[in-house]
């Protein structure tokens, strides 16, 4: 599967590959940005929870402290000496209404002294063994008979322990109740019951006013997840069900609205305090930012994709144009359109490619034109060569006639000269290959020396030292004879004594070096430099050394050629460096 996808991708056009690359990069950045944004929202939620939890802790601690005060107040009433003494007197009075009235008044006054008028206390109500009520406070409300009976039974079961009583339809106050037991003689006999009625909503409102400013609501649940507050409005069960663990936060949905809740339990009452905040009001700013970021991301993605496509087209179009030009050249049309010259190309690498292709095509067209002209010149030269061969053939035939006539008459010197000259002419006519063996080249040289020996006699000494293994080596035609001719022309003719000319050969690695040496007047460095620069023209019809060197470079390469070693009044050595190739190797290489 991966190989198939790789193959499909490899065969896509370049602009499609770059488009996919840009899309992948943008998508990766978008996903990364959204992930970072989501993480930021998560961190923001945790920070909101931290701040809300801090507010909830402050409020719950304050409320718990007030509730503890109410519990302590109930304990203080239940253990007060005067309250217990009054209840003992009431229990021992025998239908003395006046005495009961006086004791009742004293008990009520004592309740006022203890704290019946404290903040958040609606009333303190004490019941004797006959369930007669003695109450003091700001808002006294008698307990309903059945409710009073239930409270008495539960407080009696707790034997002086605390009992919280939640509001009902008859009484909206919270009640902290406990049994009053006589403890001075350690008999712990029941004397009655005390109930402290308190205004919990007022406590909650006083210590959660900062929540109201944030449009938040405080809710309280007991240890059995029953709602304690608010009293008038019962919340949906989804709120209590969303509490998982001891404390935390959650986002719930109630009546098509989302709410952010933070909850934390209290250690003393074991109630769970919860702050309920409408999600939209709390996260309006973050929601707006979220929508704005998404819109910006989409706009940036579209803009970057548009710019990316423009960027890709700016790179690909010149390449596609160059590809079309190459396809046109493949069909054989080597002429560039004039419209291409009118289009302004950029100065980057693609523009340089177009300019280089244009230069290359112009050079190709020039080379084709030059080659065409050279072919015409070659054809013309071949025609003229055919015409010129008439004279050498006529001269060769004439020399053959002279040679036979000299032999018949007994003139052997004339016959030898005519025969040597005829061999040279025959070699120039018959040896049409540019490369010949060293043996053939030396035979031409020897024929030339034969003619010159009859002319200069004892003033010319010539000898060769060529190993027989070198005779099959391939050399350019007529490269040694012109050098020997130059030794005679510029050496022998300009000196009085005997001119000694030698030809030697040796192997240098993969090359062979042929040396033509004479003891002539020699040359200085300036004159040698003129020879290779072409500033010196050979005398007569001779072939210049520079021409021989150029011919060697043309046929065999620039690594081979001629070197001149000469000193004035000492002599001259001309070294010819050639590849060491035999005739068989050359023919095999040409065939392959």
Protein backbone atom coordinates (compact mmCIF):
# COMPACT_ATOMS: atom_id res chain seq x y z
CA UNK A 1 0.00 0.00 0.00
CA UNK A 2 2.80 2.38 0.97
CA UNK A 3 4.71 1.56 -2.22
CA UNK A 4 1.60 2.21 -4.29
CA UNK A 5 1.06 5.59 -2.64
CA UNK A 6 4.75 6.40 -3.11
CA UNK A 7 4.51 5.45 -6.81
CA UNK A 8 1.40 7.57 -7.31
CA UNK A 9 3.08 10.50 -5.54
CA UNK A 10 6.26 10.10 -7.59
CA UNK A 11 4.25 10.21 -10.82
CA UNK A 12 2.39 13.38 -9.88
CA UNK A 13 3.24 16.61 -11.62
CA UNK A 14 5.59 18.91 -9.80
CA UNK A 15 2.96 21.57 -9.11
CA UNK A 16 0.63 18.95 -7.62
CA UNK A 17 3.45 17.74 -5.35
CA UNK A 18 4.15 21.28 -4.18
CA UNK A 19 0.43 21.89 -3.69
CA UNK A 20 0.19 18.77 -1.50
CA UNK A 21 3.29 19.86 0.41
CA UNK A 22 1.90 23.33 1.10
CA UNK A 23 -1.48 21.85 2.07
CA UNK A 24 0.19 19.41 4.45
CA UNK A 25 2.26 22.17 6.07
CA UNK A 26 -0.77 24.45 6.48
CA UNK A 27 -2.87 21.59 7.82
CA UNK A 28 -0.15 20.61 10.28
CA UNK A 29 0.17 24.21 11.51
CA UNK A 30 -3.63 24.50 11.76
CA UNK A 31 -3.96 21.28 13.75
CA UNK A 32 -1.07 22.33 15.97
CA UNK A 33 -2.55 25.78 16.51
CA UNK A 34 -5.99 24.38 17.30
CA UNK A 35 -4.42 21.89 19.70
CA UNK A 36 -2.58 24.71 21.46
CA UNK A 37 -5.78 26.75 21.52
CA UNK A 38 -7.71 23.81 22.96
CA UNK A 39 -5.02 23.37 25.58
CA UNK A 40 -5.30 27.08 26.39
CA UNK A 41 -9.06 26.69 26.82
CA UNK A 42 -8.48 23.73 29.09
CA UNK A 43 -6.02 25.74 31.16
CA UNK A 44 -8.52 28.60 31.21
CA UNK A 45 -11.21 26.22 32.50
CA UNK A 46 -8.87 25.02 35.24
CA UNK A 47 -8.06 28.61 36.17
CA UNK A 48 -11.76 29.44 36.30
CA UNK A 49 -12.25 26.38 38.49
CA UNK A 50 -9.38 27.46 40.74
CA UNK A 51 -10.80 30.94 41.19
CA UNK A 52 -14.35 29.64 41.63
CA UNK A 53 -13.16 26.97 44.05
CA UNK A 54 -11.37 29.66 46.04
CA UNK A 55 -14.55 31.73 46.23
CA UNK A 56 -16.54 28.62 47.08
CA UNK A 57 -14.09 27.73 49.86
CA UNK A 58 -14.30 31.20 51.36
CA UNK A 59 -18.10 31.21 51.21
CA UNK A 60 -18.50 27.66 52.50
CA UNK A 61 -16.07 28.26 55.37
CA UNK A 62 -17.93 31.41 56.36
CA UNK A 63 -21.27 29.63 56.21
CA UNK A 64 -19.86 26.65 58.11
CA UNK A 65 -18.56 28.98 60.82
CA UNK A 66 -22.02 30.48 61.28
CA UNK A 67 -23.58 27.03 61.39
CA UNK A 68 -21.03 26.04 64.04
CA UNK A 69 -22.08 29.11 66.04
CA UNK A 70 -25.70 27.97 65.83
CA UNK A 71 -24.69 24.52 67.04
CA UNK A 72 -22.69 26.05 69.89
CA UNK A 73 -25.65 28.29 70.71
CA UNK A 74 -27.93 25.25 71.00
CA UNK A 75 -25.35 23.53 73.20
CA UNK A 76 -24.99 26.67 75.34
CA UNK A 77 -28.76 26.83 75.89
CA UNK A 78 -29.01 23.10 76.63
CA UNK A 79 -26.24 23.25 79.25
CA UNK A 80 -27.07 26.64 80.79
CA UNK A 81 -27.51 26.44 84.58
CA UNK A 82 -30.50 28.75 84.68
CA UNK A 83 -32.24 27.08 81.75
CA UNK A 84 -31.78 23.68 83.35
CA UNK A 85 -32.94 25.05 86.74
CA UNK A 86 -36.05 26.59 85.18
CA UNK A 87 -36.88 23.31 83.43
CA UNK A 88 -36.44 21.41 86.72
CA UNK A 89 -38.79 23.85 88.47
CA UNK A 90 -41.33 23.50 85.67
CA UNK A 91 -41.12 19.73 85.93
CA UNK A 92 -41.70 19.86 89.73
CA UNK A 93 -44.48 22.50 89.75
CA UNK A 94 -47.88 21.10 90.49
CA UNK A 95 -50.36 22.96 88.31
CA UNK A 96 -49.32 26.32 89.71
CA UNK A 97 -50.08 28.48 86.74
CA UNK A 98 -48.73 31.64 88.27
CA UNK A 99 -45.46 30.00 89.18
CA UNK A 100 -45.21 28.49 85.68
CA UNK A 101 -45.88 31.92 84.21
CA UNK A 102 -43.13 33.53 86.31
CA UNK A 103 -40.65 30.75 85.50
CA UNK A 104 -41.59 30.99 81.82
CA UNK A 105 -40.93 34.72 81.80
CA UNK A 106 -37.57 34.21 83.48
CA UNK A 107 -36.70 31.46 80.97
CA UNK A 108 -37.55 33.67 78.01
CA UNK A 109 -35.45 36.48 79.44
CA UNK A 110 -32.57 34.05 79.90
CA UNK A 111 -32.90 32.97 76.27
CA UNK A 112 -32.62 36.62 75.25
CA UNK A 113 -29.50 36.97 77.37
CA UNK A 114 -27.93 33.88 75.81
CA UNK A 115 -28.44 35.04 72.22
CA UNK A 116 -31.98 34.81 70.94
CA UNK A 117 -31.50 38.15 69.21
CA UNK A 118 -28.17 37.31 67.53
CA UNK A 119 -27.70 37.69 63.81
CA UNK A 120 -29.25 34.95 61.69
CA UNK A 121 -31.19 33.61 64.75
CA UNK A 122 -34.89 33.75 64.21
CA UNK A 123 -35.79 32.25 67.58
CA UNK A 124 -34.65 29.99 70.40
CA UNK A 125 -37.44 27.67 71.49
CA UNK A 126 -37.28 25.52 74.63
CA UNK A 127 -39.81 22.74 75.32
CA UNK A 128 -40.42 21.21 78.74
CA UNK A 129 -41.43 17.62 79.40
CA UNK A 130 -45.05 18.53 78.66
CA UNK A 131 -44.08 19.96 75.25
CA UNK A 132 -44.95 23.45 76.40
CA UNK A 133 -42.98 25.99 74.41
CA UNK A 134 -40.95 28.92 75.80
CA UNK A 135 -39.57 31.02 72.90
CA UNK A 136 -37.59 34.24 72.42
CA UNK A 137 -36.29 35.82 69.25
CA UNK A 138 -36.89 38.05 66.22
CA UNK A 139 -39.30 35.79 64.35
CA UNK A 140 -40.97 33.22 66.58
CA UNK A 141 -42.87 30.47 64.77
CA UNK A 142 -44.28 27.54 66.67
CA UNK A 143 -43.37 24.12 65.40
CA UNK A 144 -46.15 22.05 64.00
CA UNK A 145 -47.27 19.29 66.33
CA UNK A 146 -46.31 16.36 64.11
CA UNK A 147 -43.01 18.02 63.25
CA UNK A 148 -42.32 18.65 66.94
CA UNK A 149 -43.03 15.02 67.70
CA UNK A 150 -40.57 13.83 65.03
CA UNK A 151 -37.87 16.19 66.33
CA UNK A 152 -38.39 15.01 69.92
CA UNK A 153 -38.07 11.37 68.89
CA UNK A 154 -34.87 11.98 66.89
CA UNK A 155 -33.23 14.13 69.58
CA UNK A 156 -34.20 11.59 72.26
CA UNK A 157 -32.52 8.88 70.19
CA UNK A 158 -29.38 11.01 70.04
CA UNK A 159 -29.40 11.53 73.84
CA UNK A 160 -28.30 15.14 73.76
CA UNK A 161 -26.70 14.95 70.38
CA UNK A 162 -27.29 17.47 67.62
CA UNK A 163 -30.07 17.14 65.08
CA UNK A 164 -30.41 19.30 61.97
CA UNK A 165 -33.95 19.78 60.74
CA UNK A 166 -34.51 21.11 57.24
CA UNK A 167 -37.34 23.50 56.35
CA UNK A 168 -40.76 22.29 55.21
CA UNK A 169 -43.89 23.94 53.89
CA UNK A 170 -44.94 25.04 57.39
CA UNK A 171 -41.60 26.53 58.46
CA UNK A 172 -38.89 27.96 56.19
CA UNK A 173 -36.27 28.08 58.92
CA UNK A 174 -33.48 25.60 59.59
CA UNK A 175 -33.64 24.10 63.05
CA UNK A 176 -30.78 22.91 65.22
CA UNK A 177 -32.30 20.77 67.98
CA UNK A 178 -30.97 18.73 70.88
CA UNK A 179 -32.34 17.15 74.05
CA UNK A 180 -31.77 19.01 77.35
CA UNK A 181 -30.42 16.60 79.96
CA UNK A 182 -29.73 17.38 83.60
CA UNK A 183 -26.06 17.08 84.18
CA UNK A 184 -25.44 18.76 87.59
CA UNK A 185 -26.11 15.58 89.54
CA UNK A 186 -24.84 13.51 86.60
CA UNK A 187 -28.18 11.79 86.33
CA UNK A 188 -28.63 13.02 82.76
CA UNK A 189 -32.37 12.92 83.18
CA UNK A 190 -34.26 14.49 80.24
CA UNK A 191 -35.58 17.94 81.05
CA UNK A 192 -36.91 18.93 77.65
CA UNK A 193 -35.65 20.04 74.25
CA UNK A 194 -34.07 23.16 72.77
CA UNK A 195 -34.51 24.19 69.12
CA UNK A 196 -32.60 27.05 67.53
CA UNK A 197 -34.33 28.33 64.41
CA UNK A 198 -31.99 30.15 62.00
CA UNK A 199 -32.25 32.02 58.73
CA UNK A 200 -29.85 30.04 56.52
CA UNK A 201 -30.78 31.93 53.29
CA UNK A 202 -29.69 35.16 54.95
CA UNK A 203 -26.38 33.55 55.95
CA UNK A 204 -25.85 32.27 52.42
CA UNK A 205 -26.72 35.61 50.86
CA UNK A 206 -24.38 37.53 53.17
CA UNK A 207 -21.43 35.27 52.40
CA UNK A 208 -22.08 34.72 48.71
CA UNK A 209 -22.85 38.24 47.56
CA UNK A 210 -19.77 38.20 45.33
CA UNK A 211 -21.25 35.24 43.47
CA UNK A 212 -24.41 37.17 42.67
CA UNK A 213 -22.31 39.81 40.94
CA UNK A 214 -21.04 37.08 38.61
CA UNK A 215 -24.55 35.82 37.93
CA UNK A 216 -23.69 32.66 39.86
CA UNK A 217 -25.82 30.71 42.30
CA UNK A 218 -24.85 28.78 45.41
CA UNK A 219 -26.40 25.39 46.06
CA UNK A 220 -25.95 23.12 49.08
CA UNK A 221 -26.50 19.34 49.28
CA UNK A 222 -26.33 17.15 52.37
CA UNK A 223 -24.32 13.92 52.68
CA UNK A 224 -27.18 12.02 50.96
CA UNK A 225 -27.16 14.42 47.97
CA UNK A 226 -30.46 15.97 49.10
CA UNK A 227 -30.77 19.62 48.29
CA UNK A 228 -30.44 21.85 51.34
CA UNK A 229 -30.32 25.20 49.58
CA UNK A 230 -31.96 26.98 47.79
CA UNK A 231 -35.17 26.30 49.63
CA UNK A 232 -37.76 27.69 47.24
CA UNK A 233 -36.34 26.21 44.00
CA UNK A 234 -35.45 22.58 43.57
CA UNK A 235 -32.62 22.01 41.10
CA UNK A 236 -32.60 19.29 38.51
CA UNK A 237 -31.14 15.92 39.61
CA UNK A 238 -28.48 16.39 36.95
CA UNK A 239 -26.63 18.76 39.31
CA UNK A 240 -26.26 16.28 42.14
CA UNK A 241 -25.51 13.47 39.67
CA UNK A 242 -22.66 15.47 38.11
CA UNK A 243 -20.70 15.51 41.39
CA UNK A 244 -17.95 12.90 40.96
CA UNK A 245 -15.31 12.60 43.62
CA UNK A 246 -14.77 14.84 46.58
CA UNK A 247 -14.34 18.06 44.66
CA UNK A 248 -13.96 19.25 41.09
CA UNK A 249 -15.77 20.94 38.25
CA UNK A 250 -17.96 19.94 35.36
CA UNK A 251 -20.02 21.33 32.50
CA UNK A 252 -23.65 20.18 32.46
CA UNK A 253 -26.68 20.88 30.34
CA UNK A 254 -30.06 21.73 31.89
CA UNK A 255 -33.08 22.91 29.92
CA UNK A 256 -31.01 23.51 26.76
CA UNK A 257 -28.61 25.68 28.73
CA UNK A 258 -25.06 24.85 29.73
CA UNK A 259 -23.77 25.50 33.24
CA UNK A 260 -20.30 25.44 34.73
CA UNK A 261 -20.43 23.92 38.21
CA UNK A 262 -17.76 23.83 40.92
CA UNK A 263 -18.35 21.72 44.02
CA UNK A 264 -16.50 21.06 47.26
CA UNK A 265 -17.59 19.21 50.46
CA UNK A 266 -17.42 20.68 53.95
CA UNK A 267 -15.70 18.72 56.70
CA UNK A 268 -17.96 19.75 59.62
CA UNK A 269 -21.48 19.37 58.29
CA UNK A 270 -20.42 17.01 55.47
CA UNK A 271 -22.57 19.09 53.18
CA UNK A 272 -21.44 19.69 49.59
CA UNK A 273 -21.35 23.31 48.45
CA UNK A 274 -21.80 24.00 44.75
CA UNK A 275 -21.48 27.14 42.62
CA UNK A 276 -23.62 27.09 39.47
CA UNK A 277 -22.63 29.57 36.77
CA UNK A 278 -24.31 29.94 33.35
CA UNK A 279 -21.69 28.87 30.85
CA UNK A 280 -22.56 31.49 28.24
CA UNK A 281 -22.25 34.41 30.62
CA UNK A 282 -19.07 33.05 32.17
CA UNK A 283 -17.37 32.00 28.95
CA UNK A 284 -18.81 34.63 26.65
CA UNK A 285 -15.39 36.19 26.09
CA UNK A 286 -13.64 32.88 25.54
CA UNK A 287 -16.42 31.69 23.22
CA UNK A 288 -16.10 34.89 21.23
CA UNK A 289 -12.35 34.41 21.05
CA UNK A 290 -12.86 30.81 20.00
CA UNK A 291 -15.17 31.77 17.14
CA UNK A 292 -12.88 34.65 16.13
CA UNK A 293 -9.85 32.37 16.12
CA UNK A 294 -11.65 29.79 13.98
CA UNK A 295 -12.68 32.47 11.50
CA UNK A 296 -9.14 33.86 11.42
CA UNK A 297 -7.74 30.37 10.94
CA UNK A 298 -10.07 29.70 8.03
CA UNK A 299 -9.30 33.07 6.42
CA UNK A 300 -5.56 32.57 6.92
CA UNK A 301 -5.79 29.07 5.47
CA UNK A 302 -7.59 30.38 2.37
CA UNK A 303 -5.19 33.31 1.97
CA UNK A 304 -2.11 31.14 2.47
CA UNK A 305 -3.45 28.54 0.05
CA UNK A 306 -4.05 31.27 -2.54
CA UNK A 307 -0.59 32.72 -2.01
CA UNK A 308 0.89 29.22 -2.03
CA UNK A 309 -0.75 28.43 -5.37
CA UNK A 310 0.53 31.72 -6.79
CA UNK A 311 3.99 30.93 -5.45
CA UNK A 312 3.94 27.41 -6.90
CA UNK A 313 2.72 28.67 -10.27
CA UNK A 314 5.48 31.28 -10.27
CA UNK A 315 8.02 28.46 -10.00
CA UNK A 316 6.31 25.80 -12.08
CA UNK A 317 5.17 27.87 -15.08
CA UNK A 318 8.70 28.75 -16.26
CA UNK A 319 9.70 25.09 -15.84
CA UNK A 320 6.64 23.94 -17.80
CA UNK A 321 7.46 26.52 -20.49
CA UNK A 322 11.02 25.21 -20.68
CA UNK A 323 9.68 21.65 -20.87
CA UNK A 324 7.45 22.62 -23.83
CA UNK A 325 10.44 24.15 -25.59
CA UNK A 326 12.38 20.93 -25.10
CA UNK A 327 9.47 18.88 -26.45
CA UNK A 328 9.40 21.16 -29.50
CA UNK A 329 13.14 20.63 -30.01
CA UNK A 330 12.61 16.85 -29.80
CA UNK A 331 10.31 17.08 -32.82
CA UNK A 332 13.19 18.61 -34.80
CA UNK A 333 12.13 22.27 -34.58
CA UNK A 334 15.33 23.99 -33.45
CA UNK A 335 14.09 27.53 -34.01
CA UNK A 336 12.83 29.43 -30.95
CA UNK A 337 9.65 31.50 -31.27
CA UNK A 338 9.92 35.26 -31.23
CA UNK A 339 7.15 35.32 -28.62
CA UNK A 340 9.56 33.72 -26.12
CA UNK A 341 11.88 36.72 -26.41
CA UNK A 342 9.02 39.11 -25.63
CA UNK A 343 8.07 37.31 -22.37
CA UNK A 344 9.95 38.77 -19.41
CA UNK A 345 11.58 35.97 -17.47
CA UNK A 346 12.45 36.27 -13.77
CA UNK A 347 16.06 36.64 -12.71
CA UNK A 348 15.99 33.55 -10.49
CA UNK A 349 17.18 30.02 -11.36
CA UNK A 350 14.19 29.36 -13.65
CA UNK A 351 14.93 32.50 -15.66
CA UNK A 352 18.58 31.48 -15.86
CA UNK A 353 17.51 28.06 -17.14
CA UNK A 354 15.51 29.72 -19.94
CA UNK A 355 18.42 32.01 -20.83
CA UNK A 356 20.91 29.14 -20.77
CA UNK A 357 18.57 27.03 -22.94
CA UNK A 358 18.25 29.92 -25.37
CA UNK A 359 22.03 30.36 -25.50
CA UNK A 360 22.49 26.61 -25.95
CA UNK A 361 20.01 26.50 -28.84
CA UNK A 362 21.67 29.50 -30.48
CA UNK A 363 25.04 27.79 -30.13
CA UNK A 364 23.60 24.55 -31.55
CA UNK A 365 22.16 26.44 -34.51
CA UNK A 366 25.51 28.18 -35.04
CA UNK A 367 27.36 24.86 -34.85
CA UNK A 368 24.90 23.32 -37.32
CA UNK A 369 25.41 26.25 -39.68
CA UNK A 370 29.20 26.07 -39.27
CA UNK A 371 29.17 22.31 -39.77
CA UNK A 372 27.08 22.74 -42.89
CA UNK A 373 29.55 25.25 -44.25
CA UNK A 374 32.47 22.99 -43.32
CA UNK A 375 30.84 20.10 -45.13
CA UNK A 376 30.54 22.27 -48.21
CA UNK A 377 34.20 23.26 -47.89
CA UNK A 378 35.20 19.61 -47.39
CA UNK A 379 33.26 18.53 -50.46
CA UNK A 380 34.88 21.32 -52.43
CA UNK A 381 38.31 20.36 -51.06
CA UNK A 382 37.73 16.73 -51.96
CA UNK A 383 36.82 17.76 -55.47
CA UNK A 384 39.92 19.92 -55.75
CA UNK A 385 42.01 17.14 -54.24
CA UNK A 386 40.80 14.77 -56.92
CA UNK A 387 41.80 17.35 -59.49
CA UNK A 388 45.19 17.90 -57.82
CA UNK A 389 45.91 14.17 -57.74
CA UNK A 390 46.29 14.23 -61.49
CA UNK A 391 49.62 16.07 -61.24
CA UNK A 392 51.19 13.77 -58.55
CA UNK A 393 50.10 10.73 -60.54
CA UNK A 394 51.61 12.20 -63.70
CA UNK A 395 54.80 13.14 -61.76
CA UNK A 396 54.98 9.67 -60.16
CA UNK A 397 54.63 7.99 -63.54
CA UNK A 398 57.28 10.29 -64.97
CA UNK A 399 59.69 9.43 -62.10
CA UNK A 400 59.09 5.74 -62.76
CA UNK A 401 60.06 6.27 -66.40
CA UNK A 402 63.22 8.17 -65.33
CA UNK A 403 64.05 5.39 -62.84
CA UNK A 404 63.86 2.66 -65.53
CA UNK A 405 65.79 4.78 -68.01
CA UNK A 406 68.55 5.41 -65.41
CA UNK A 407 68.75 1.72 -64.58
CA UNK A 408 69.01 0.84 -68.29
CA UNK A 409 71.78 3.42 -68.81
CA UNK A 410 73.52 2.35 -65.56
CA UNK A 411 73.06 5.61 -63.62
CA UNK A 412 72.33 4.07 -60.21
CA UNK A 413 72.45 7.35 -58.26
CA UNK A 414 69.80 8.92 -60.45
CA UNK A 415 67.76 5.74 -60.23
CA UNK A 416 67.93 5.69 -56.40
CA UNK A 417 66.92 9.35 -56.11
CA UNK A 418 64.05 8.91 -58.52
CA UNK A 419 62.94 5.77 -56.70
CA UNK A 420 63.01 7.51 -53.28
CA UNK A 421 61.14 10.54 -54.56
CA UNK A 422 58.60 8.26 -56.22
CA UNK A 423 58.08 6.43 -52.90
CA UNK A 424 57.38 9.73 -51.12
CA UNK A 425 54.91 10.77 -53.81
CA UNK A 426 53.27 7.35 -53.74
CA UNK A 427 52.95 7.54 -49.95
CA UNK A 428 51.28 10.95 -50.12
CA UNK A 429 48.81 9.61 -52.65
CA UNK A 430 48.08 6.14 -51.28
CA UNK A 431 48.17 6.74 -47.49
CA UNK A 432 44.74 8.28 -47.08
CA UNK A 433 44.42 7.44 -43.35
CA UNK A 434 45.29 10.16 -40.85
CA UNK A 435 47.02 7.62 -38.59
CA UNK A 436 49.67 5.14 -39.84
CA UNK A 437 52.24 2.86 -38.22
CA UNK A 438 55.59 4.21 -37.08
CA UNK A 439 57.24 1.81 -39.52
CA UNK A 440 55.50 3.44 -42.52
CA UNK A 441 56.32 6.90 -41.20
CA UNK A 442 60.02 5.95 -40.89
CA UNK A 443 60.07 4.52 -44.43
CA UNK A 444 59.02 7.94 -45.75
CA UNK A 445 61.76 9.57 -43.63
CA UNK A 446 64.39 7.15 -44.96
CA UNK A 447 63.38 7.84 -48.57
CA UNK A 448 63.67 11.57 -47.87
CA UNK A 449 67.15 11.05 -46.28
CA UNK A 450 68.25 9.02 -49.31
CA UNK A 451 67.53 11.97 -51.59
CA UNK A 452 69.20 14.47 -49.22
CA UNK A 453 72.28 12.18 -48.81
CA UNK A 454 73.07 12.40 -52.51
CA UNK A 455 72.83 16.17 -52.21
CA UNK A 456 74.89 16.79 -49.05
CA UNK A 457 76.98 13.58 -49.09
CA UNK A 458 79.41 13.44 -46.11
CA UNK A 459 77.94 16.62 -44.47
CA UNK A 460 74.83 14.67 -43.43
CA UNK A 461 74.88 11.88 -40.87
CA UNK A 462 71.62 10.15 -40.05
CA UNK A 463 70.80 7.21 -37.86
CA UNK A 464 67.80 5.80 -35.95
CA UNK A 465 67.47 3.95 -32.65
CA UNK A 466 63.92 2.59 -32.62
CA UNK A 467 63.08 -0.68 -30.84
CA UNK A 468 61.30 -3.12 -33.14
CA UNK A 469 58.35 -3.30 -30.70
CA UNK A 470 57.57 0.37 -31.39
CA UNK A 471 57.28 -0.07 -35.19
CA UNK A 472 53.62 -1.12 -34.94
CA UNK A 473 52.64 1.94 -32.90
CA UNK A 474 50.09 4.29 -34.48
CA UNK A 475 51.27 7.84 -35.24
CA UNK A 476 49.79 10.73 -37.23
CA UNK A 477 50.93 10.71 -40.85
CA UNK A 478 53.86 12.96 -41.86
CA UNK A 479 54.88 14.25 -38.40
CA UNK A 480 58.55 13.07 -38.38
CA UNK A 481 59.57 13.87 -41.99
CA UNK A 482 58.80 17.63 -41.58
CA UNK A 483 60.92 17.71 -38.41
CA UNK A 484 63.87 16.03 -40.21
CA UNK A 485 63.40 18.48 -43.08
CA UNK A 486 63.52 21.38 -40.58
CA UNK A 487 66.77 19.98 -39.11
CA UNK A 488 68.32 20.00 -42.57
CA UNK A 489 66.86 23.37 -43.58
CA UNK A 490 67.65 25.27 -40.33
CA UNK A 491 70.57 23.16 -39.12
CA UNK A 492 72.67 21.69 -41.91
CA UNK A 493 72.28 24.58 -44.38
CA UNK A 494 73.35 27.11 -41.73
CA UNK A 495 76.43 25.31 -40.48
CA UNK A 496 79.83 24.44 -41.99
CA UNK A 497 80.57 21.06 -40.42
CA UNK A 498 78.70 17.80 -40.47
CA UNK A 499 75.03 17.80 -39.37
CA UNK A 500 74.13 14.83 -37.25
CA UNK A 501 70.44 13.90 -37.17
CA UNK A 502 69.07 11.06 -35.04
CA UNK A 503 65.65 9.63 -34.33
CA UNK A 504 65.10 7.77 -31.05
CA UNK A 505 62.06 6.43 -29.20
CA UNK A 506 61.32 5.36 -25.64
CA UNK A 507 58.28 4.44 -23.57
CA UNK A 508 56.98 6.76 -20.83
CA UNK A 509 54.25 4.93 -18.90
CA UNK A 510 51.31 4.52 -21.29
CA UNK A 511 52.91 6.87 -23.82
CA UNK A 512 55.69 6.72 -26.36
CA UNK A 513 58.14 9.60 -26.87
CA UNK A 514 59.84 10.04 -30.28
CA UNK A 515 62.79 12.46 -30.34
CA UNK A 516 64.30 14.11 -33.44
CA UNK A 517 67.71 15.54 -32.47
CA UNK A 518 70.28 17.56 -34.42
CA UNK A 519 73.51 19.41 -33.62
CA UNK A 520 72.52 22.54 -35.48
CA UNK A 521 72.81 26.17 -34.33
CA UNK A 522 69.83 25.76 -31.94
CA UNK A 523 67.19 28.34 -30.83
CA UNK A 524 66.52 30.60 -27.87
CA UNK A 525 63.35 30.61 -25.71
CA UNK A 526 61.86 33.64 -27.46
CA UNK A 527 62.10 31.98 -30.86
CA UNK A 528 60.55 28.75 -29.53
CA UNK A 529 57.67 30.79 -28.06
CA UNK A 530 57.06 32.38 -31.49
CA UNK A 531 56.90 28.94 -33.11
CA UNK A 532 54.08 27.74 -30.79
CA UNK A 533 52.20 31.05 -30.96
CA UNK A 534 52.16 30.86 -34.75
CA UNK A 535 54.13 34.11 -35.13
CA UNK A 536 56.80 32.29 -37.18
CA UNK A 537 56.18 31.07 -40.72
CA UNK A 538 58.28 28.20 -42.09
CA UNK A 539 60.46 28.90 -45.09
CA UNK A 540 59.57 27.45 -48.45
CA UNK A 541 56.76 24.93 -48.61
CA UNK A 542 57.61 23.18 -45.33
CA UNK A 543 55.06 22.30 -42.66
CA UNK A 544 55.38 24.34 -39.48
CA UNK A 545 55.89 22.73 -36.06
CA UNK A 546 52.81 24.54 -34.75
CA UNK A 547 50.70 22.92 -37.48
CA UNK A 548 52.05 19.47 -36.59
CA UNK A 549 51.27 20.09 -32.90
CA UNK A 550 47.71 21.22 -33.72
CA UNK A 551 47.15 18.13 -35.85
CA UNK A 552 48.30 15.86 -33.02
CA UNK A 553 45.95 17.65 -30.56
CA UNK A 554 43.07 17.32 -33.02
CA UNK A 555 43.62 13.61 -33.73
CA UNK A 556 44.73 12.33 -30.32
CA UNK A 557 43.82 14.97 -27.73
CA UNK A 558 45.35 17.93 -25.94
CA UNK A 559 47.39 15.66 -23.63
CA UNK A 560 49.73 14.83 -26.52
CA UNK A 561 51.89 17.02 -28.73
CA UNK A 562 55.35 18.46 -29.32
CA UNK A 563 57.94 19.89 -26.94
CA UNK A 564 61.12 21.67 -28.07
CA UNK A 565 64.34 21.49 -26.09
CA UNK A 566 67.03 23.71 -27.66
CA UNK A 567 70.06 25.84 -26.78
CA UNK A 568 71.92 28.25 -29.01
CA UNK A 569 75.11 26.71 -30.58
CA UNK A 570 74.32 23.38 -28.91
CA UNK A 571 71.52 21.81 -30.93
CA UNK A 572 67.81 21.06 -30.86
CA UNK A 573 65.67 18.20 -29.58
CA UNK A 574 62.04 17.91 -30.66
CA UNK A 575 60.05 15.48 -28.47
CA UNK A 576 56.81 14.00 -29.81
CA UNK A 577 54.59 12.45 -27.11
CA UNK A 578 51.95 10.01 -28.40
CA UNK A 579 49.74 7.28 -26.85
CA UNK A 580 51.33 3.85 -26.87
CA UNK A 581 48.82 2.04 -29.12
CA UNK A 582 49.67 -0.67 -31.60
CA UNK A 583 47.95 -1.07 -34.95
CA UNK A 584 45.84 -4.03 -33.72
CA UNK A 585 44.59 -2.16 -30.63
CA UNK A 586 43.69 0.87 -32.75
CA UNK A 587 41.70 -1.18 -35.25
CA UNK A 588 39.90 -3.10 -32.48
CA UNK A 589 39.04 0.16 -30.67
CA UNK A 590 37.75 1.72 -33.89
CA UNK A 591 35.57 -1.30 -34.62
CA UNK A 592 34.14 -1.43 -31.08
